[in-house]
Amino acid sequence: MSWYQSIGKSADTVISTRVRLARNLCGYPFASKLDAHGANEIIEKVSAPLESAGFRKIHFADLSPIMATSYVERHYVSPEFATKDSPHALLLQEQIGASVMVCEEDHLRIQAILPGLALEDAYKNAQQVEKRLDEDFDFAYSEELGYLTHCPTNLGTGMRASVMMFLPALTRGGYMGSLATQLSKIGLTVRGLFGEGSGASGCMYQISNQVTLGITEEDTLKKLKEAVRQISEKEQTAKKSIQGDELDRLTDKILRSEGVLKHAYMMSSAEFIKLFADIRFGIALGIVTDITYEQLGELLVETMPATLTLSSESTPKTEATRDKLRATKIKSILNVNQ
């Protein structure tokens, strides 16, 4: 089962955890200066040990734009990776939520993603992949600067750890701006659903580290875990403050959203994301009882435009056709009679 179908195992506020390690091989220029021959050479060299360990190699040059975008929607690759022109490949082991982007901004972006708050386990999974590659390759490293990376902001550990949080009460109360300011003071940042440069959608935010130089991986994970704990407490406090008429209006809004989600004939992806936030908040508040976190997790990916198009027997020729297909997919996953 994929990580996004398992989010019912998580707390109300935490959806998933990701740890990413940026690494570069000695003897090659950074990816931005790498020619096609060098990129293909790295892809083939790195693929051998990982394929023998059960990873599946996917050459992105062979994929359609829709197929490539679907991997973005599943959070296995970055939007920038999906649209690159030069040779690049993904090595994927879905069973353990591990993937390696080869020839993105760095030669290797080793990633582990798991449901719920699982920073130590995600780091362990990423580290295991790194150790397997370290047996065969020398990574670019400096005693003074740590791991050498294309972007100076990744020097040091080369690690970005992030926790995807669902924060509807804090969003509703207008607290996210001040929270982002507080987090920046301790070397953490708030990003949107698809990482750097993306906007916040459906009250979902990635809380991640900004600092990689002069701090150990263990200290980074500890700091992030403590921040997530405090943010979760703030969310619970904000949620408990919703009472009286405000709670009645919110309950009405959530139940209306549930009705639309289950019975709409057409549904845009933007509308779905808004309804997703209402329904997930409704589950947390005990207002929605017949939709599960697992079902919402599946919907969050399966109804995204590219993934939805791929699941169709024929490619939707218009946006309206795709919106009808999305509504049908929602009913199917929610087991609503059609």
Protein backbone atom coordinates (compact mmCIF):
# COMPACT_ATOMS: atom_id res chain seq x y z
CA MET A 1 0.00 0.00 0.00
CA SER A 2 1.33 3.46 -0.91
CA TRP A 3 2.12 5.98 1.81
CA TYR A 4 -0.76 8.27 0.82
CA GLN A 5 -3.29 5.46 1.26
CA SER A 6 -2.06 4.86 4.82
CA ILE A 7 -2.53 8.29 6.36
CA GLY A 8 -5.24 7.00 8.70
CA LYS A 9 -2.36 5.74 10.84
CA SER A 10 -1.32 9.33 11.51
CA ALA A 11 -2.51 11.91 13.99
CA ASP A 12 -5.14 14.44 12.95
CA THR A 13 -2.53 17.09 12.20
CA VAL A 14 0.19 15.01 10.54
CA ILE A 15 -0.16 13.50 7.08
CA SER A 16 3.31 12.31 6.10
CA THR A 17 7.06 12.58 6.65
CA ARG A 18 9.79 12.95 4.06
CA VAL A 19 13.59 12.88 4.33
CA ARG A 20 15.70 13.77 1.29
CA LEU A 21 19.48 13.53 0.92
CA ALA A 22 21.33 15.46 -1.80
CA ARG A 23 24.48 13.71 -3.02
CA ASN A 24 26.90 14.15 -5.93
CA LEU A 25 29.40 11.68 -7.36
CA CYS A 26 33.09 12.52 -7.51
CA GLY A 27 34.53 12.84 -10.99
CA TYR A 28 31.52 14.48 -12.62
CA PRO A 29 30.46 18.14 -12.89
CA PHE A 30 27.21 19.16 -11.19
CA ALA A 31 24.05 18.24 -13.09
CA SER A 32 23.65 21.74 -14.56
CA LYS A 33 27.02 21.33 -16.35
CA LEU A 34 26.64 17.63 -17.14
CA ASP A 35 26.33 16.61 -20.79
CA ALA A 36 23.99 13.86 -21.98
CA HIS A 37 26.77 11.26 -22.06
CA GLY A 38 27.75 11.96 -18.47
CA ALA A 39 24.12 11.95 -17.30
CA ASN A 40 23.41 8.60 -18.94
CA GLU A 41 26.61 7.20 -17.47
CA ILE A 42 25.57 8.20 -13.95
CA ILE A 43 22.08 6.80 -14.49
CA GLU A 44 23.42 3.42 -15.59
CA LYS A 45 26.04 3.23 -12.84
CA VAL A 46 23.63 4.10 -10.05
CA SER A 47 20.83 1.91 -11.39
CA ALA A 48 22.79 -1.35 -11.18
CA PRO A 49 23.02 -1.69 -7.37
CA LEU A 50 19.56 -0.25 -6.77
CA GLU A 51 17.80 -2.46 -9.31
CA SER A 52 19.44 -5.48 -7.68
CA ALA A 53 17.94 -4.22 -4.39
CA GLY A 54 14.42 -4.17 -5.83
CA PHE A 55 14.19 -0.63 -7.20
CA ARG A 56 12.42 -0.03 -10.50
CA LYS A 57 14.16 2.24 -13.03
CA ILE A 58 12.03 4.76 -14.91
CA HIS A 59 13.66 6.80 -17.69
CA PHE A 60 11.74 10.07 -17.72
CA ALA A 61 12.73 10.78 -21.32
CA ASP A 62 10.50 7.84 -22.23
CA LEU A 63 7.45 9.19 -20.38
CA SER A 64 4.64 11.36 -21.63
CA PRO A 65 4.18 14.72 -19.86
CA ILE A 66 1.02 13.36 -18.23
CA MET A 67 2.81 10.29 -16.88
CA ALA A 68 5.69 12.42 -15.59
CA THR A 69 3.27 14.81 -13.87
CA SER A 70 1.55 11.89 -12.18
CA TYR A 71 4.80 11.10 -10.36
CA VAL A 72 4.85 14.71 -9.13
CA GLU A 73 1.29 14.31 -7.85
CA ARG A 74 2.42 11.21 -5.96
CA HIS A 75 5.31 13.21 -4.44
CA TYR A 76 7.97 10.90 -5.86
CA VAL A 77 9.63 13.61 -7.97
CA SER A 78 9.82 17.39 -8.02
CA PRO A 79 8.00 19.48 -10.65
CA GLU A 80 11.40 20.61 -11.96
CA PHE A 81 12.56 17.01 -12.39
CA ALA A 82 9.42 16.07 -14.34
CA THR A 83 10.01 18.77 -16.96
CA LYS A 84 13.79 18.44 -17.48
CA ASP A 85 15.04 18.06 -21.05
CA SER A 86 18.38 16.39 -20.33
CA PRO A 87 18.59 12.66 -19.42
CA HIS A 88 17.20 11.90 -15.96
CA ALA A 89 15.68 8.86 -14.28
CA LEU A 90 13.78 7.77 -11.19
CA LEU A 91 14.59 4.66 -9.19
CA LEU A 92 11.55 3.70 -7.16
CA GLN A 93 10.81 1.21 -4.39
CA GLU A 94 7.19 1.93 -3.48
CA GLN A 95 6.92 -0.76 -0.80
CA ILE A 96 9.21 1.19 1.52
CA GLY A 97 8.40 4.64 0.15
CA ALA A 98 11.93 5.14 -1.18
CA SER A 99 12.99 6.82 -4.40
CA VAL A 100 16.09 8.29 -5.99
CA MET A 101 15.94 11.11 -8.52
CA VAL A 102 19.02 10.77 -10.69
CA CYS A 103 20.30 13.96 -12.35
CA GLU A 104 17.90 16.46 -10.85
CA GLU A 105 19.62 19.56 -9.38
CA ASP A 106 22.17 17.17 -7.84
CA HIS A 107 23.30 13.83 -9.23
CA LEU A 108 21.25 12.04 -6.59
CA ARG A 109 18.22 13.04 -4.55
CA ILE A 110 17.61 10.11 -2.21
CA GLN A 111 14.14 10.31 -0.70
CA ALA A 112 12.11 8.33 1.81
CA ILE A 113 8.48 9.20 2.48
CA LEU A 114 6.24 7.54 5.07
CA PRO A 115 2.76 8.11 6.50
CA GLY A 116 2.37 10.00 9.77
CA LEU A 117 5.14 11.44 11.94
CA ALA A 118 8.05 9.09 11.23
CA LEU A 119 11.19 11.22 11.01
CA GLU A 120 13.58 8.63 12.44
CA ASP A 121 12.21 5.81 10.26
CA ALA A 122 12.23 7.93 7.10
CA TYR A 123 15.81 9.01 7.80
CA LYS A 124 16.80 5.38 8.42
CA ASN A 125 15.25 4.31 5.10
CA ALA A 126 17.03 7.09 3.18
CA GLN A 127 20.27 6.31 4.97
CA GLN A 128 20.05 2.64 3.99
CA VAL A 129 19.77 3.60 0.32
CA GLU A 130 22.69 6.02 0.70
CA LYS A 131 24.84 3.33 2.36
CA ARG A 132 24.12 0.91 -0.47
CA LEU A 133 25.33 3.48 -3.01
CA ASP A 134 28.27 4.52 -0.83
CA GLU A 135 29.65 0.99 -1.18
CA ASP A 136 30.21 1.57 -4.91
CA PHE A 137 30.65 5.33 -5.30
CA ASP A 138 32.53 8.21 -3.72
CA PHE A 139 30.35 11.18 -2.84
CA ALA A 140 31.68 14.73 -3.19
CA TYR A 141 32.56 15.76 0.36
CA SER A 142 34.61 18.44 2.14
CA GLU A 143 35.83 18.23 5.73
CA GLU A 144 35.01 21.92 6.07
CA LEU A 145 31.72 22.15 4.15
CA GLY A 146 30.29 18.64 4.39
CA TYR A 147 28.53 17.17 1.35
CA LEU A 148 29.07 19.34 -1.73
CA THR A 149 25.85 20.27 -3.49
CA HIS A 150 24.76 22.32 -6.49
CA CYS A 151 22.93 24.84 -4.30
CA PRO A 152 24.98 26.27 -1.40
CA THR A 153 21.91 26.14 0.87
CA ASN A 154 22.23 22.33 0.90
CA LEU A 155 25.89 22.21 1.94
CA GLY A 156 26.66 20.29 5.10
CA THR A 157 24.33 17.37 5.71
CA GLY A 158 22.59 17.81 2.35
CA MET A 159 19.44 16.74 4.19
CA ARG A 160 15.97 18.22 3.93
CA ALA A 161 13.48 16.73 6.34
CA SER A 162 9.84 17.76 6.16
CA VAL A 163 6.53 16.91 7.77
CA MET A 164 3.27 17.46 5.89
CA MET A 165 0.78 18.90 8.35
CA PHE A 166 -2.95 19.56 8.09
CA LEU A 167 -3.72 22.78 9.95
CA PRO A 168 -7.30 23.93 9.29
CA ALA A 169 -7.93 25.58 12.66
CA LEU A 170 -4.74 27.65 12.52
CA THR A 171 -5.48 28.55 8.90
CA ARG A 172 -9.06 29.48 9.78
CA GLY A 173 -7.82 31.68 12.63
CA GLY A 174 -5.26 33.49 10.44
CA TYR A 175 -2.26 32.26 12.43
CA MET A 176 -0.12 30.78 9.64
CA GLY A 177 1.75 34.01 8.86
CA SER A 178 2.96 34.49 12.42
CA LEU A 179 3.75 30.77 12.69
CA ALA A 180 5.95 30.95 9.59
CA THR A 181 7.81 33.91 11.09
CA GLN A 182 8.39 32.06 14.36
CA LEU A 183 9.67 28.96 12.55
CA SER A 184 12.11 30.96 10.41
CA LYS A 185 13.80 32.20 13.58
CA ILE A 186 14.78 28.64 14.49
CA GLY A 187 15.88 27.58 11.00
CA LEU A 188 12.63 26.01 9.82
CA THR A 189 10.33 27.01 6.98
CA VAL A 190 6.75 26.52 5.80
CA ARG A 191 6.06 25.45 2.21
CA GLY A 192 3.00 24.38 0.24
CA LEU A 193 1.70 20.99 -0.81
CA PHE A 194 4.33 20.42 -3.52
CA GLY A 195 7.29 22.01 -1.74
CA GLU A 196 9.32 25.10 -2.56
CA GLY A 197 7.46 27.66 -4.63
CA SER A 198 4.06 25.99 -4.30
CA GLY A 199 1.12 27.57 -2.55
CA ALA A 200 -0.73 26.17 0.41
CA SER A 201 -3.69 24.06 -0.71
CA GLY A 202 -6.31 22.37 1.41
CA CYS A 203 -4.76 23.67 4.67
CA MET A 204 -1.75 21.39 4.02
CA TYR A 205 1.75 22.67 4.76
CA GLN A 206 5.25 21.21 4.66
CA ILE A 207 7.29 22.12 7.74
CA SER A 208 10.98 21.60 6.93
CA ASN A 209 14.51 22.57 7.88
CA GLN A 210 16.30 25.46 6.18
CA VAL A 211 19.73 24.97 7.75
CA THR A 212 21.99 22.10 6.66
CA LEU A 213 25.45 23.49 7.49
CA GLY A 214 26.84 23.37 11.03
CA ILE A 215 24.15 21.05 12.39
CA THR A 216 23.93 17.26 12.53
CA GLU A 217 21.17 15.20 10.96
CA GLU A 218 20.06 14.00 14.40
CA ASP A 219 19.79 17.55 15.76
CA THR A 220 17.79 18.60 12.70
CA LEU A 221 15.32 15.76 13.19
CA LYS A 222 15.04 16.53 16.90
CA LYS A 223 14.34 20.22 16.25
CA LEU A 224 11.76 19.45 13.57
CA LYS A 225 10.01 16.84 15.69
CA GLU A 226 9.70 19.27 18.61
CA ALA A 227 8.36 21.99 16.30
CA VAL A 228 5.75 19.59 14.92
CA ARG A 229 4.71 18.69 18.47
CA GLN A 230 4.25 22.35 19.38
CA ILE A 231 2.38 23.16 16.16
CA SER A 232 0.08 20.18 16.77
CA GLU A 233 -0.68 21.53 20.25
CA LYS A 234 -1.46 24.97 18.81
CA GLU A 235 -3.77 23.37 16.24
CA GLN A 236 -5.60 21.41 18.95
CA THR A 237 -6.00 24.57 21.06
CA ALA A 238 -7.35 26.50 18.08
CA LYS A 239 -9.72 23.65 17.29
CA LYS A 240 -11.09 23.54 20.84
CA SER A 241 -11.77 27.29 20.72
CA ILE A 242 -14.36 26.76 17.96
CA GLN A 243 -17.61 26.67 19.93
CA GLY A 244 -21.22 27.82 19.95
CA ASP A 245 -22.56 29.50 16.81
CA GLU A 246 -19.16 29.29 15.14
CA LEU A 247 -19.12 25.52 15.56
CA ASP A 248 -22.71 25.28 14.25
CA ARG A 249 -21.78 27.25 11.12
CA LEU A 250 -18.67 25.13 10.64
CA THR A 251 -20.66 21.92 11.09
CA ASP A 252 -23.16 23.08 8.47
CA LYS A 253 -20.35 23.93 6.07
CA ILE A 254 -18.64 20.56 6.56
CA LEU A 255 -21.84 18.55 6.08
CA ARG A 256 -22.69 20.52 2.94
CA SER A 257 -19.18 19.78 1.66
CA GLU A 258 -19.67 16.09 2.39
CA GLY A 259 -22.87 16.11 0.35
CA VAL A 260 -21.22 17.85 -2.59
CA LEU A 261 -18.20 15.53 -2.49
CA LYS A 262 -20.40 12.44 -2.55
CA HIS A 263 -23.01 13.51 -5.05
CA ALA A 264 -21.60 16.14 -7.43
CA TYR A 265 -21.89 15.28 -11.12
CA MET A 266 -18.76 17.31 -11.96
CA MET A 267 -15.80 18.27 -9.77
CA SER A 268 -12.73 20.41 -10.57
CA SER A 269 -9.44 19.65 -8.83
CA ALA A 270 -9.51 23.08 -7.14
CA GLU A 271 -12.98 22.41 -5.73
CA PHE A 272 -11.93 18.96 -4.57
CA ILE A 273 -8.98 20.36 -2.60
CA LYS A 274 -11.32 22.77 -0.77
CA LEU A 275 -13.77 19.96 -0.01
CA PHE A 276 -10.89 17.71 1.07
CA ALA A 277 -9.93 20.25 3.73
CA ASP A 278 -13.51 20.52 5.00
CA ILE A 279 -14.02 16.74 5.15
CA ARG A 280 -10.68 16.00 6.84
CA PHE A 281 -11.44 18.70 9.42
CA GLY A 282 -14.88 17.13 9.83
CA ILE A 283 -13.34 13.73 10.55
CA ALA A 284 -11.03 15.28 13.16
CA LEU A 285 -13.99 17.01 14.82
CA GLY A 286 -16.14 13.86 14.77
CA ILE A 287 -18.66 15.48 12.41
CA VAL A 288 -17.92 13.18 9.44
CA THR A 289 -18.09 9.52 10.44
CA ASP A 290 -18.47 7.51 7.23
CA ILE A 291 -15.37 8.71 5.34
CA THR A 292 -11.93 7.60 6.50
CA TYR A 293 -8.51 9.24 6.41
CA GLU A 294 -7.38 6.37 4.20
CA GLN A 295 -10.08 7.12 1.62
CA LEU A 296 -9.18 10.81 1.63
CA GLY A 297 -5.51 9.96 1.21
CA GLU A 298 -6.30 7.87 -1.83
CA LEU A 299 -8.52 10.61 -3.25
CA LEU A 300 -5.82 13.21 -2.72
CA VAL A 301 -3.69 11.52 -5.38
CA GLU A 302 -6.12 9.56 -7.54
CA THR A 303 -8.21 12.64 -8.41
CA MET A 304 -5.28 14.86 -9.38
CA PRO A 305 -5.40 15.79 -13.09
CA ALA A 306 -2.56 13.67 -14.50
CA THR A 307 -3.16 10.61 -12.33
CA LEU A 308 -6.89 10.77 -13.04
CA THR A 309 -6.26 10.99 -16.78
CA LEU A 310 -4.00 7.93 -16.68
CA SER A 311 -6.67 5.90 -14.90
CA SER A 312 -9.22 6.61 -17.61
CA GLU A 313 -9.86 4.13 -20.40
CA SER A 314 -9.60 7.01 -22.87
CA THR A 315 -7.92 10.39 -22.46
CA PRO A 316 -10.50 13.05 -21.50
CA LYS A 317 -10.66 15.48 -24.42
CA THR A 318 -12.04 18.41 -22.43
CA GLU A 319 -11.75 19.75 -18.90
CA ALA A 320 -15.48 19.17 -18.41
CA THR A 321 -15.04 15.50 -19.30
CA ARG A 322 -12.23 15.19 -16.78
CA ASP A 323 -14.34 16.90 -14.10
CA LYS A 324 -17.11 14.35 -14.68
CA LEU A 325 -14.53 11.56 -14.49
CA ARG A 326 -13.24 12.98 -11.18
CA ALA A 327 -16.74 12.98 -9.67
CA THR A 328 -17.19 9.36 -10.74
CA LYS A 329 -13.80 8.38 -9.27
CA ILE A 330 -14.73 10.02 -5.95
CA LYS A 331 -17.99 8.07 -5.77
CA SER A 332 -16.12 4.85 -6.54
CA ILE A 333 -13.52 5.32 -3.80
CA LEU A 334 -16.16 6.43 -1.28
CA ASN A 335 -18.45 3.53 -2.25
CA VAL A 336 -21.31 5.85 -3.10
CA ASN A 337 -24.10 4.33 -5.21
CA GLN A 338 -24.12 5.90 -8.68
